[in-house]
Amino acid sequence: MTDKTPKLLADALGAIGSAQEFVAGITLDVYLADKMRRSAVERQLEILGEACAQLAKLEPGLIKAVSNLKLAIDLRNRIIHGYDSVDDEIVYLTATEDLEGLKVDLARLLETRG
């Protein structure tokens, strides 16, 4: 662990919390109709993916040890480099269904290493 690890973990957890907050209680149709909300969620997923990518560089073993870490990194790359092929439904489902395991693992790491 480096001195940077706790900050990256906190940044990743903050981004997960924000993305989840932005989609809490709304339907996919509401999400699809709200350009600003979609942009905000995508930005938080970019932050999450970048923090996870930096964590993986510092500690490569985290890729296998942390659920959905690679998913977060891959989604960040898709949003940034393949912006024209981002599927809004997949982004919504990621924010509503796929982040909880990653959140739990990152929180556990922050608790033990922060």
PDB file of N, CA and C in Angstrom:
ATOM      1  N   MET A   1       0.835  -1.179   0.000  1.00  0.00           N
ATOM      2  CA  MET A   1       0.000   0.000   0.000  1.00  0.00           C
ATOM      3  C   MET A   1       0.883   1.246   0.000  1.00  0.00           C
ATOM      4  N   THR A   2       0.453   2.257  -0.743  1.00  0.00           N
ATOM      5  CA  THR A   2       1.161   3.526  -0.757  1.00  0.00           C
ATOM      6  C   THR A   2       0.321   4.572  -0.027  1.00  0.00           C
ATOM      7  N   ASP A   3       0.909   5.731   0.167  1.00  0.00           N
ATOM      8  CA  ASP A   3       0.178   6.831   0.791  1.00  0.00           C
ATOM      9  C   ASP A   3      -1.010   7.269  -0.056  1.00  0.00           C
ATOM     10  N   LYS A   4      -0.956   6.991  -1.335  1.00  0.00           N
ATOM     11  CA  LYS A   4      -2.012   7.399  -2.263  1.00  0.00           C
ATOM     12  C   LYS A   4      -3.230   6.460  -2.212  1.00  0.00           C
ATOM     13  N   THR A   5      -3.041   5.254  -1.739  1.00  0.00           N
ATOM     14  CA  THR A   5      -4.111   4.254  -1.756  1.00  0.00           C
ATOM     15  C   THR A   5      -5.366   4.699  -1.030  1.00  0.00           C
ATOM     16  N   PRO A   6      -5.295   5.204   0.209  1.00  0.00           N
ATOM     17  CA  PRO A   6      -6.539   5.615   0.886  1.00  0.00           C
ATOM     18  C   PRO A   6      -7.318   6.689   0.123  1.00  0.00           C
ATOM     19  N   LYS A   7      -6.607   7.650  -0.478  1.00  0.00           N
ATOM     20  CA  LYS A   7      -7.299   8.686  -1.247  1.00  0.00           C
ATOM     21  C   LYS A   7      -7.991   8.093  -2.461  1.00  0.00           C
ATOM     22  N   LEU A   8      -7.314   7.202  -3.164  1.00  0.00           N
ATOM     23  CA  LEU A   8      -7.938   6.567  -4.332  1.00  0.00           C
ATOM     24  C   LEU A   8      -9.163   5.761  -3.928  1.00  0.00           C
ATOM     25  N   LEU A   9      -9.060   5.034  -2.825  1.00  0.00           N
ATOM     26  CA  LEU A   9     -10.210   4.278  -2.335  1.00  0.00           C
ATOM     27  C   LEU A   9     -11.360   5.207  -1.982  1.00  0.00           C
ATOM     28  N   ALA A  10     -11.066   6.306  -1.299  1.00  0.00           N
ATOM     29  CA  ALA A  10     -12.109   7.271  -0.938  1.00  0.00           C
ATOM     30  C   ALA A  10     -12.719   7.915  -2.178  1.00  0.00           C
ATOM     31  N   ASP A  11     -11.895   8.232  -3.166  1.00  0.00           N
ATOM     32  CA  ASP A  11     -12.406   8.810  -4.410  1.00  0.00           C
ATOM     33  C   ASP A  11     -13.337   7.834  -5.122  1.00  0.00           C
ATOM     34  N   ALA A  12     -12.930   6.581  -5.188  1.00  0.00           N
ATOM     35  CA  ALA A  12     -13.746   5.557  -5.842  1.00  0.00           C
ATOM     36  C   ALA A  12     -15.076   5.381  -5.110  1.00  0.00           C
ATOM     37  N   LEU A  13     -15.017   5.316  -3.797  1.00  0.00           N
ATOM     38  CA  LEU A  13     -16.248   5.164  -3.012  1.00  0.00           C
ATOM     39  C   LEU A  13     -17.149   6.381  -3.153  1.00  0.00           C
ATOM     40  N   GLY A  14     -16.574   7.560  -3.202  1.00  0.00           N
ATOM     41  CA  GLY A  14     -17.369   8.771  -3.405  1.00  0.00           C
ATOM     42  C   GLY A  14     -18.060   8.769  -4.761  1.00  0.00           C
ATOM     43  N   ALA A  15     -17.354   8.323  -5.773  1.00  0.00           N
ATOM     44  CA  ALA A  15     -17.933   8.265  -7.114  1.00  0.00           C
ATOM     45  C   ALA A  15     -19.065   7.242  -7.179  1.00  0.00           C
ATOM     46  N   ILE A  16     -18.881   6.100  -6.527  1.00  0.00           N
ATOM     47  CA  ILE A  16     -19.957   5.101  -6.485  1.00  0.00           C
ATOM     48  C   ILE A  16     -21.180   5.698  -5.793  1.00  0.00           C
ATOM     49  N   GLY A  17     -20.958   6.327  -4.646  1.00  0.00           N
ATOM     50  CA  GLY A  17     -22.071   6.919  -3.908  1.00  0.00           C
ATOM     51  C   GLY A  17     -22.813   7.956  -4.727  1.00  0.00           C
ATOM     52  N   SER A  18     -22.081   8.796  -5.435  1.00  0.00           N
ATOM     53  CA  SER A  18     -22.726   9.820  -6.265  1.00  0.00           C
ATOM     54  C   SER A  18     -23.499   9.193  -7.417  1.00  0.00           C
ATOM     55  N   ALA A  19     -22.900   8.243  -8.113  1.00  0.00           N
ATOM     56  CA  ALA A  19     -23.590   7.589  -9.232  1.00  0.00           C
ATOM     57  C   ALA A  19     -24.870   6.919  -8.744  1.00  0.00           C
ATOM     58  N   GLN A  20     -24.793   6.229  -7.619  1.00  0.00           N
ATOM     59  CA  GLN A  20     -25.982   5.574  -7.076  1.00  0.00           C
ATOM     60  C   GLN A  20     -27.030   6.600  -6.662  1.00  0.00           C
ATOM     61  N   GLU A  21     -26.600   7.691  -6.085  1.00  0.00           N
ATOM     62  CA  GLU A  21     -27.532   8.755  -5.683  1.00  0.00           C
ATOM     63  C   GLU A  21     -28.249   9.338  -6.895  1.00  0.00           C
ATOM     64  N   PHE A  22     -27.525   9.524  -7.994  1.00  0.00           N
ATOM     65  CA  PHE A  22     -28.097  10.141  -9.185  1.00  0.00           C
ATOM     66  C   PHE A  22     -29.153   9.265  -9.858  1.00  0.00           C
ATOM     67  N   VAL A  23     -29.118   7.955  -9.621  1.00  0.00           N
ATOM     68  CA  VAL A  23     -30.110   7.067 -10.245  1.00  0.00           C
ATOM     69  C   VAL A  23     -31.114   6.499  -9.231  1.00  0.00           C
ATOM     70  N   ALA A  24     -30.951   6.845  -7.981  1.00  0.00           N
ATOM     71  CA  ALA A  24     -31.824   6.293  -6.937  1.00  0.00           C
ATOM     72  C   ALA A  24     -33.279   6.687  -7.182  1.00  0.00           C
ATOM     73  N   GLY A  25     -34.117   5.670  -7.228  1.00  0.00           N
ATOM     74  CA  GLY A  25     -35.551   5.891  -7.329  1.00  0.00           C
ATOM     75  C   GLY A  25     -36.058   6.344  -8.683  1.00  0.00           C
ATOM     76  N   ILE A  26     -35.226   6.303  -9.708  1.00  0.00           N
ATOM     77  CA  ILE A  26     -35.713   6.696 -11.026  1.00  0.00           C
ATOM     78  C   ILE A  26     -35.704   5.489 -11.958  1.00  0.00           C
ATOM     79  N   THR A  27     -36.584   5.526 -12.906  1.00  0.00           N
ATOM     80  CA  THR A  27     -36.682   4.446 -13.882  1.00  0.00           C
ATOM     81  C   THR A  27     -35.693   4.671 -15.014  1.00  0.00           C
ATOM     82  N   LEU A  28     -35.509   3.620 -15.785  1.00  0.00           N
ATOM     83  CA  LEU A  28     -34.651   3.730 -16.961  1.00  0.00           C
ATOM     84  C   LEU A  28     -35.179   4.801 -17.905  1.00  0.00           C
ATOM     85  N   ASP A  29     -36.488   4.869 -18.105  1.00  0.00           N
ATOM     86  CA  ASP A  29     -37.054   5.868 -19.017  1.00  0.00           C
ATOM     87  C   ASP A  29     -36.748   7.292 -18.556  1.00  0.00           C
ATOM     88  N   VAL A  30     -36.841   7.545 -17.256  1.00  0.00           N
ATOM     89  CA  VAL A  30     -36.515   8.871 -16.722  1.00  0.00           C
ATOM     90  C   VAL A  30     -35.032   9.155 -16.955  1.00  0.00           C
ATOM     91  N   TYR A  31     -34.215   8.165 -16.688  1.00  0.00           N
ATOM     92  CA  TYR A  31     -32.768   8.315 -16.902  1.00  0.00           C
ATOM     93  C   TYR A  31     -32.469   8.646 -18.364  1.00  0.00           C
ATOM     94  N   LEU A  32     -33.053   7.912 -19.287  1.00  0.00           N
ATOM     95  CA  LEU A  32     -32.789   8.113 -20.708  1.00  0.00           C
ATOM     96  C   LEU A  32     -33.229   9.493 -21.184  1.00  0.00           C
ATOM     97  N   ALA A  33     -34.267  10.037 -20.568  1.00  0.00           N
ATOM     98  CA  ALA A  33     -34.796  11.338 -20.972  1.00  0.00           C
ATOM     99  C   ALA A  33     -34.043  12.516 -20.356  1.00  0.00           C
ATOM    100  N   ASP A  34     -33.125  12.252 -19.455  1.00  0.00           N
ATOM    101  CA  ASP A  34     -32.448  13.315 -18.712  1.00  0.00           C
ATOM    102  C   ASP A  34     -30.968  13.368 -19.068  1.00  0.00           C
ATOM    103  N   LYS A  35     -30.642  14.201 -20.027  1.00  0.00           N
ATOM    104  CA  LYS A  35     -29.270  14.306 -20.524  1.00  0.00           C
ATOM    105  C   LYS A  35     -28.290  14.709 -19.420  1.00  0.00           C
ATOM    106  N   MET A  36     -28.692  15.636 -18.560  1.00  0.00           N
ATOM    107  CA  MET A  36     -27.801  16.093 -17.507  1.00  0.00           C
ATOM    108  C   MET A  36     -27.515  14.973 -16.504  1.00  0.00           C
ATOM    109  N   ARG A  37     -28.524  14.194 -16.156  1.00  0.00           N
ATOM    110  CA  ARG A  37     -28.341  13.074 -15.231  1.00  0.00           C
ATOM    111  C   ARG A  37     -27.430  12.021 -15.854  1.00  0.00           C
ATOM    112  N   ARG A  38     -27.641  11.716 -17.129  1.00  0.00           N
ATOM    113  CA  ARG A  38     -26.788  10.736 -17.800  1.00  0.00           C
ATOM    114  C   ARG A  38     -25.336  11.202 -17.789  1.00  0.00           C
ATOM    115  N   SER A  39     -25.126  12.474 -18.079  1.00  0.00           N
ATOM    116  CA  SER A  39     -23.776  13.025 -18.083  1.00  0.00           C
ATOM    117  C   SER A  39     -23.148  12.953 -16.690  1.00  0.00           C
ATOM    118  N   ALA A  40     -23.925  13.249 -15.670  1.00  0.00           N
ATOM    119  CA  ALA A  40     -23.415  13.215 -14.297  1.00  0.00           C
ATOM    120  C   ALA A  40     -23.029  11.798 -13.890  1.00  0.00           C
ATOM    121  N   VAL A  41     -23.857  10.832 -14.237  1.00  0.00           N
ATOM    122  CA  VAL A  41     -23.547   9.434 -13.898  1.00  0.00           C
ATOM    123  C   VAL A  41     -22.301   8.986 -14.644  1.00  0.00           C
ATOM    124  N   GLU A  42     -22.221   9.305 -15.913  1.00  0.00           N
ATOM    125  CA  GLU A  42     -21.037   8.935 -16.691  1.00  0.00           C
ATOM    126  C   GLU A  42     -19.780   9.547 -16.091  1.00  0.00           C
ATOM    127  N   ARG A  43     -19.856  10.801 -15.656  1.00  0.00           N
ATOM    128  CA  ARG A  43     -18.678  11.438 -15.048  1.00  0.00           C
ATOM    129  C   ARG A  43     -18.237  10.710 -13.790  1.00  0.00           C
ATOM    130  N   GLN A  44     -19.186  10.306 -12.957  1.00  0.00           N
ATOM    131  CA  GLN A  44     -18.837   9.585 -11.736  1.00  0.00           C
ATOM    132  C   GLN A  44     -18.231   8.222 -12.064  1.00  0.00           C
ATOM    133  N   LEU A  45     -18.728   7.581 -13.112  1.00  0.00           N
ATOM    134  CA  LEU A  45     -18.158   6.291 -13.511  1.00  0.00           C
ATOM    135  C   LEU A  45     -16.758   6.466 -14.109  1.00  0.00           C
ATOM    136  N   GLU A  46     -16.511   7.605 -14.747  1.00  0.00           N
ATOM    137  CA  GLU A  46     -15.156   7.909 -15.214  1.00  0.00           C
ATOM    138  C   GLU A  46     -14.207   8.056 -14.023  1.00  0.00           C
ATOM    139  N   ILE A  47     -14.645   8.797 -13.013  1.00  0.00           N
ATOM    140  CA  ILE A  47     -13.822   8.985 -11.808  1.00  0.00           C
ATOM    141  C   ILE A  47     -13.574   7.642 -11.137  1.00  0.00           C
ATOM    142  N   LEU A  48     -14.630   6.857 -11.001  1.00  0.00           N
ATOM    143  CA  LEU A  48     -14.500   5.528 -10.399  1.00  0.00           C
ATOM    144  C   LEU A  48     -13.494   4.688 -11.170  1.00  0.00           C
ATOM    145  N   GLY A  49     -13.624   4.632 -12.467  1.00  0.00           N
ATOM    146  CA  GLY A  49     -12.734   3.816 -13.286  1.00  0.00           C
ATOM    147  C   GLY A  49     -11.295   4.287 -13.237  1.00  0.00           C
ATOM    148  N   GLU A  50     -11.093   5.594 -13.208  1.00  0.00           N
ATOM    149  CA  GLU A  50      -9.721   6.123 -13.137  1.00  0.00           C
ATOM    150  C   GLU A  50      -9.100   5.813 -11.782  1.00  0.00           C
ATOM    151  N   ALA A  51      -9.858   5.981 -10.706  1.00  0.00           N
ATOM    152  CA  ALA A  51      -9.338   5.644  -9.377  1.00  0.00           C
ATOM    153  C   ALA A  51      -9.000   4.157  -9.302  1.00  0.00           C
ATOM    154  N   CYS A  52      -9.867   3.325  -9.859  1.00  0.00           N
ATOM    155  CA  CYS A  52      -9.607   1.877  -9.862  1.00  0.00           C
ATOM    156  C   CYS A  52      -8.389   1.532 -10.709  1.00  0.00           C
ATOM    157  N   ALA A  53      -8.220   2.210 -11.834  1.00  0.00           N
ATOM    158  CA  ALA A  53      -7.059   1.958 -12.689  1.00  0.00           C
ATOM    159  C   ALA A  53      -5.772   2.317 -11.954  1.00  0.00           C
ATOM    160  N   GLN A  54      -5.775   3.428 -11.242  1.00  0.00           N
ATOM    161  CA  GLN A  54      -4.590   3.818 -10.485  1.00  0.00           C
ATOM    162  C   GLN A  54      -4.325   2.847  -9.338  1.00  0.00           C
ATOM    163  N   LEU A  55      -5.397   2.390  -8.677  1.00  0.00           N
ATOM    164  CA  LEU A  55      -5.234   1.379  -7.628  1.00  0.00           C
ATOM    165  C   LEU A  55      -4.610   0.111  -8.184  1.00  0.00           C
ATOM    166  N   ALA A  56      -5.088  -0.314  -9.351  1.00  0.00           N
ATOM    167  CA  ALA A  56      -4.570  -1.536  -9.972  1.00  0.00           C
ATOM    168  C   ALA A  56      -3.101  -1.389 -10.367  1.00  0.00           C
ATOM    169  N   LYS A  57      -2.695  -0.199 -10.749  1.00  0.00           N
ATOM    170  CA  LYS A  57      -1.281   0.025 -11.072  1.00  0.00           C
ATOM    171  C   LYS A  57      -0.425  -0.049  -9.811  1.00  0.00           C
ATOM    172  N   LEU A  58      -0.943   0.499  -8.719  1.00  0.00           N
ATOM    173  CA  LEU A  58      -0.203   0.471  -7.456  1.00  0.00           C
ATOM    174  C   LEU A  58      -0.155  -0.933  -6.865  1.00  0.00           C
ATOM    175  N   GLU A  59      -1.271  -1.659  -7.013  1.00  0.00           N
ATOM    176  CA  GLU A  59      -1.393  -2.997  -6.442  1.00  0.00           C
ATOM    177  C   GLU A  59      -2.086  -3.918  -7.452  1.00  0.00           C
ATOM    178  N   PRO A  60      -1.332  -4.491  -8.381  1.00  0.00           N
ATOM    179  CA  PRO A  60      -1.915  -5.311  -9.439  1.00  0.00           C
ATOM    180  C   PRO A  60      -2.787  -6.467  -8.936  1.00  0.00           C
ATOM    181  N   GLY A  61      -2.527  -6.991  -7.764  1.00  0.00           N
ATOM    182  CA  GLY A  61      -3.316  -8.089  -7.226  1.00  0.00           C
ATOM    183  C   GLY A  61      -4.767  -7.733  -6.952  1.00  0.00           C
ATOM    184  N   LEU A  62      -5.051  -6.449  -6.902  1.00  0.00           N
ATOM    185  CA  LEU A  62      -6.432  -6.034  -6.635  1.00  0.00           C
ATOM    186  C   LEU A  62      -7.383  -6.381  -7.776  1.00  0.00           C
ATOM    187  N   ILE A  63      -6.853  -6.508  -8.985  1.00  0.00           N
ATOM    188  CA  ILE A  63      -7.710  -6.851 -10.133  1.00  0.00           C
ATOM    189  C   ILE A  63      -8.472  -8.142  -9.856  1.00  0.00           C
ATOM    190  N   LYS A  64      -7.793  -9.131  -9.287  1.00  0.00           N
ATOM    191  CA  LYS A  64      -8.447 -10.412  -8.998  1.00  0.00           C
ATOM    192  C   LYS A  64      -9.135 -10.410  -7.643  1.00  0.00           C
ATOM    193  N   ALA A  65      -8.660  -9.600  -6.714  1.00  0.00           N
ATOM    194  CA  ALA A  65      -9.164  -9.634  -5.339  1.00  0.00           C
ATOM    195  C   ALA A  65     -10.427  -8.802  -5.130  1.00  0.00           C
ATOM    196  N   VAL A  66     -10.672  -7.831  -5.990  1.00  0.00           N
ATOM    197  CA  VAL A  66     -11.791  -6.907  -5.795  1.00  0.00           C
ATOM    198  C   VAL A  66     -12.826  -7.130  -6.897  1.00  0.00           C
ATOM    199  N   SER A  67     -14.056  -7.457  -6.481  1.00  0.00           N
ATOM    200  CA  SER A  67     -15.112  -7.730  -7.466  1.00  0.00           C
ATOM    201  C   SER A  67     -15.413  -6.483  -8.297  1.00  0.00           C
ATOM    202  N   ASN A  68     -15.510  -6.674  -9.577  1.00  0.00           N
ATOM    203  CA  ASN A  68     -15.884  -5.644 -10.551  1.00  0.00           C
ATOM    204  C   ASN A  68     -14.872  -4.504 -10.696  1.00  0.00           C
ATOM    205  N   LEU A  69     -13.670  -4.657 -10.189  1.00  0.00           N
ATOM    206  CA  LEU A  69     -12.656  -3.616 -10.381  1.00  0.00           C
ATOM    207  C   LEU A  69     -12.344  -3.457 -11.868  1.00  0.00           C
ATOM    208  N   LYS A  70     -12.150  -4.568 -12.537  1.00  0.00           N
ATOM    209  CA  LYS A  70     -11.857  -4.527 -13.979  1.00  0.00           C
ATOM    210  C   LYS A  70     -13.047  -3.966 -14.758  1.00  0.00           C
ATOM    211  N   LEU A  71     -14.271  -4.294 -14.335  1.00  0.00           N
ATOM    212  CA  LEU A  71     -15.467  -3.755 -14.981  1.00  0.00           C
ATOM    213  C   LEU A  71     -15.468  -2.229 -14.902  1.00  0.00           C
ATOM    214  N   ALA A  72     -15.132  -1.690 -13.735  1.00  0.00           N
ATOM    215  CA  ALA A  72     -15.100  -0.236 -13.562  1.00  0.00           C
ATOM    216  C   ALA A  72     -14.063   0.401 -14.483  1.00  0.00           C
ATOM    217  N   ILE A  73     -12.906  -0.226 -14.582  1.00  0.00           N
ATOM    218  CA  ILE A  73     -11.842   0.295 -15.450  1.00  0.00           C
ATOM    219  C   ILE A  73     -12.266   0.221 -16.917  1.00  0.00           C
ATOM    220  N   ASP A  74     -12.809  -0.911 -17.313  1.00  0.00           N
ATOM    221  CA  ASP A  74     -13.233  -1.087 -18.707  1.00  0.00           C
ATOM    222  C   ASP A  74     -14.358  -0.127 -19.081  1.00  0.00           C
ATOM    223  N   LEU A  75     -15.303   0.098 -18.163  1.00  0.00           N
ATOM    224  CA  LEU A  75     -16.404   1.015 -18.446  1.00  0.00           C
ATOM    225  C   LEU A  75     -15.887   2.441 -18.586  1.00  0.00           C
ATOM    226  N   ARG A  76     -14.947   2.822 -17.737  1.00  0.00           N
ATOM    227  CA  ARG A  76     -14.332   4.152 -17.851  1.00  0.00           C
ATOM    228  C   ARG A  76     -13.696   4.329 -19.221  1.00  0.00           C
ATOM    229  N   ASN A  77     -12.964   3.316 -19.659  1.00  0.00           N
ATOM    230  CA  ASN A  77     -12.319   3.399 -20.969  1.00  0.00           C
ATOM    231  C   ASN A  77     -13.341   3.499 -22.093  1.00  0.00           C
ATOM    232  N   ARG A  78     -14.440   2.774 -21.962  1.00  0.00           N
ATOM    233  CA  ARG A  78     -15.486   2.832 -22.995  1.00  0.00           C
ATOM    234  C   ARG A  78     -16.117   4.214 -23.029  1.00  0.00           C
ATOM    235  N   ILE A  79     -16.416   4.779 -21.872  1.00  0.00           N
ATOM    236  CA  ILE A  79     -17.055   6.100 -21.828  1.00  0.00           C
ATOM    237  C   ILE A  79     -16.135   7.157 -22.420  1.00  0.00           C
ATOM    238  N   ILE A  80     -14.860   7.093 -22.068  1.00  0.00           N
ATOM    239  CA  ILE A  80     -13.921   8.128 -22.525  1.00  0.00           C
ATOM    240  C   ILE A  80     -13.491   7.926 -23.977  1.00  0.00           C
ATOM    241  N   HIS A  81     -13.126   6.709 -24.333  1.00  0.00           N
ATOM    242  CA  HIS A  81     -12.570   6.487 -25.666  1.00  0.00           C
ATOM    243  C   HIS A  81     -13.599   6.048 -26.696  1.00  0.00           C
ATOM    244  N   GLY A  82     -14.717   5.523 -26.236  1.00  0.00           N
ATOM    245  CA  GLY A  82     -15.750   5.068 -27.159  1.00  0.00           C
ATOM    246  C   GLY A  82     -17.065   5.758 -26.888  1.00  0.00           C
ATOM    247  N   TYR A  83     -16.980   7.061 -26.585  1.00  0.00           N
ATOM    248  CA  TYR A  83     -18.162   7.818 -26.178  1.00  0.00           C
ATOM    249  C   TYR A  83     -19.334   7.663 -27.142  1.00  0.00           C
ATOM    250  N   ASP A  84     -19.035   7.465 -28.415  1.00  0.00           N
ATOM    251  CA  ASP A  84     -20.095   7.365 -29.412  1.00  0.00           C
ATOM    252  C   ASP A  84     -20.760   5.989 -29.428  1.00  0.00           C
ATOM    253  N   SER A  85     -20.235   5.057 -28.637  1.00  0.00           N
ATOM    254  CA  SER A  85     -20.842   3.731 -28.591  1.00  0.00           C
ATOM    255  C   SER A  85     -21.280   3.343 -27.175  1.00  0.00           C
ATOM    256  N   VAL A  86     -21.389   4.351 -26.293  1.00  0.00           N
ATOM    257  CA  VAL A  86     -21.829   4.086 -24.927  1.00  0.00           C
ATOM    258  C   VAL A  86     -23.313   3.761 -24.954  1.00  0.00           C
ATOM    259  N   ASP A  87     -23.684   2.666 -24.327  1.00  0.00           N
ATOM    260  CA  ASP A  87     -25.076   2.245 -24.231  1.00  0.00           C
ATOM    261  C   ASP A  87     -25.641   2.782 -22.915  1.00  0.00           C
ATOM    262  N   ASP A  88     -26.561   3.731 -23.013  1.00  0.00           N
ATOM    263  CA  ASP A  88     -27.109   4.367 -21.814  1.00  0.00           C
ATOM    264  C   ASP A  88     -27.803   3.373 -20.887  1.00  0.00           C
ATOM    265  N   GLU A  89     -28.406   2.351 -21.438  1.00  0.00           N
ATOM    266  CA  GLU A  89     -29.061   1.345 -20.609  1.00  0.00           C
ATOM    267  C   GLU A  89     -28.029   0.560 -19.792  1.00  0.00           C
ATOM    268  N   ILE A  90     -26.906   0.237 -20.388  1.00  0.00           N
ATOM    269  CA  ILE A  90     -25.848  -0.474 -19.660  1.00  0.00           C
ATOM    270  C   ILE A  90     -25.292   0.412 -18.546  1.00  0.00           C
ATOM    271  N   VAL A  91     -25.098   1.694 -18.830  1.00  0.00           N
ATOM    272  CA  VAL A  91     -24.613   2.615 -17.801  1.00  0.00           C
ATOM    273  C   VAL A  91     -25.606   2.669 -16.645  1.00  0.00           C
ATOM    274  N   TYR A  92     -26.886   2.787 -16.965  1.00  0.00           N
ATOM    275  CA  TYR A  92     -27.928   2.824 -15.925  1.00  0.00           C
ATOM    276  C   TYR A  92     -27.918   1.531 -15.102  1.00  0.00           C
ATOM    277  N   LEU A  93     -27.884   0.404 -15.777  1.00  0.00           N
ATOM    278  CA  LEU A  93     -27.880  -0.880 -15.061  1.00  0.00           C
ATOM    279  C   LEU A  93     -26.619  -1.044 -14.218  1.00  0.00           C
ATOM    280  N   THR A  94     -25.511  -0.566 -14.719  1.00  0.00           N
ATOM    281  CA  THR A  94     -24.278  -0.607 -13.925  1.00  0.00           C
ATOM    282  C   THR A  94     -24.454   0.197 -12.648  1.00  0.00           C
ATOM    283  N   ALA A  95     -24.986   1.400 -12.778  1.00  0.00           N
ATOM    284  CA  ALA A  95     -25.149   2.271 -11.609  1.00  0.00           C
ATOM    285  C   ALA A  95     -26.192   1.743 -10.634  1.00  0.00           C
ATOM    286  N   THR A  96     -27.214   1.065 -11.135  1.00  0.00           N
ATOM    287  CA  THR A  96     -28.279   0.597 -10.248  1.00  0.00           C
ATOM    288  C   THR A  96     -28.051  -0.811  -9.712  1.00  0.00           C
ATOM    289  N   GLU A  97     -27.259  -1.632 -10.431  1.00  0.00           N
ATOM    290  CA  GLU A  97     -27.173  -3.046 -10.051  1.00  0.00           C
ATOM    291  C   GLU A  97     -25.763  -3.585  -9.815  1.00  0.00           C
ATOM    292  N   ASP A  98     -24.766  -3.008 -10.452  1.00  0.00           N
ATOM    293  CA  ASP A  98     -23.451  -3.655 -10.477  1.00  0.00           C
ATOM    294  C   ASP A  98     -22.399  -3.064  -9.545  1.00  0.00           C
ATOM    295  N   LEU A  99     -22.703  -1.984  -8.859  1.00  0.00           N
ATOM    296  CA  LEU A  99     -21.674  -1.308  -8.077  1.00  0.00           C
ATOM    297  C   LEU A  99     -21.596  -1.750  -6.625  1.00  0.00           C
ATOM    298  N   GLU A 100     -22.608  -2.421  -6.132  1.00  0.00           N
ATOM    299  CA  GLU A 100     -22.651  -2.713  -4.699  1.00  0.00           C
ATOM    300  C   GLU A 100     -21.503  -3.623  -4.241  1.00  0.00           C
ATOM    301  N   GLY A 101     -21.199  -4.666  -4.996  1.00  0.00           N
ATOM    302  CA  GLY A 101     -20.096  -5.555  -4.621  1.00  0.00           C
ATOM    303  C   GLY A 101     -18.764  -4.820  -4.604  1.00  0.00           C
ATOM    304  N   LEU A 102     -18.547  -3.986  -5.599  1.00  0.00           N
ATOM    305  CA  LEU A 102     -17.322  -3.185  -5.661  1.00  0.00           C
ATOM    306  C   LEU A 102     -17.272  -2.223  -4.474  1.00  0.00           C
ATOM    307  N   LYS A 103     -18.393  -1.621  -4.166  1.00  0.00           N
ATOM    308  CA  LYS A 103     -18.471  -0.693  -3.033  1.00  0.00           C
ATOM    309  C   LYS A 103     -18.096  -1.382  -1.722  1.00  0.00           C
ATOM    310  N   VAL A 104     -18.619  -2.567  -1.511  1.00  0.00           N
ATOM    311  CA  VAL A 104     -18.326  -3.327  -0.293  1.00  0.00           C
ATOM    312  C   VAL A 104     -16.844  -3.659  -0.219  1.00  0.00           C
ATOM    313  N   ASP A 105     -16.283  -4.137  -1.321  1.00  0.00           N
ATOM    314  CA  ASP A 105     -14.861  -4.509  -1.335  1.00  0.00           C
ATOM    315  C   ASP A 105     -13.954  -3.297  -1.111  1.00  0.00           C
ATOM    316  N   LEU A 106     -14.269  -2.181  -1.766  1.00  0.00           N
ATOM    317  CA  LEU A 106     -13.444  -0.992  -1.608  1.00  0.00           C
ATOM    318  C   LEU A 106     -13.548  -0.425  -0.192  1.00  0.00           C
ATOM    319  N   ALA A 107     -14.749  -0.447   0.376  1.00  0.00           N
ATOM    320  CA  ALA A 107     -14.937   0.032   1.752  1.00  0.00           C
ATOM    321  C   ALA A 107     -14.149  -0.831   2.743  1.00  0.00           C
ATOM    322  N   ARG A 108     -14.150  -2.142   2.494  1.00  0.00           N
ATOM    323  CA  ARG A 108     -13.372  -3.063   3.353  1.00  0.00           C
ATOM    324  C   ARG A 108     -11.891  -2.750   3.256  1.00  0.00           C
ATOM    325  N   LEU A 109     -11.413  -2.510   2.044  1.00  0.00           N
ATOM    326  CA  LEU A 109     -10.003  -2.161   1.867  1.00  0.00           C
ATOM    327  C   LEU A 109      -9.661  -0.840   2.558  1.00  0.00           C
ATOM    328  N   LEU A 110     -10.523   0.134   2.423  1.00  0.00           N
ATOM    329  CA  LEU A 110     -10.270   1.427   3.054  1.00  0.00           C
ATOM    330  C   LEU A 110     -10.247   1.290   4.570  1.00  0.00           C
ATOM    331  N   GLU A 111     -11.139   0.474   5.086  1.00  0.00           N
ATOM    332  CA  GLU A 111     -11.180   0.254   6.535  1.00  0.00           C
ATOM    333  C   GLU A 111      -9.908  -0.410   7.052  1.00  0.00           C
ATOM    334  N   THR A 112      -9.414  -1.384   6.293  1.00  0.00           N
ATOM    335  CA  THR A 112      -8.235  -2.118   6.761  1.00  0.00           C
ATOM    336  C   THR A 112      -6.923  -1.414   6.434  1.00  0.00           C
ATOM    337  N   ARG A 113      -6.919  -0.604   5.370  1.00  0.00           N
ATOM    338  CA  ARG A 113      -5.664   0.002   4.937  1.00  0.00           C
ATOM    339  C   ARG A 113      -5.612   1.512   5.122  1.00  0.00           C
ATOM    340  N   GLY A 114      -6.762   2.115   5.327  1.00  0.00           N
ATOM    341  CA  GLY A 114      -6.809   3.586   5.407  1.00  0.00           C
ATOM    342  C   GLY A 114      -6.432   4.053   6.743  1.00  0.00           C
TER     343      GLY A 114
END
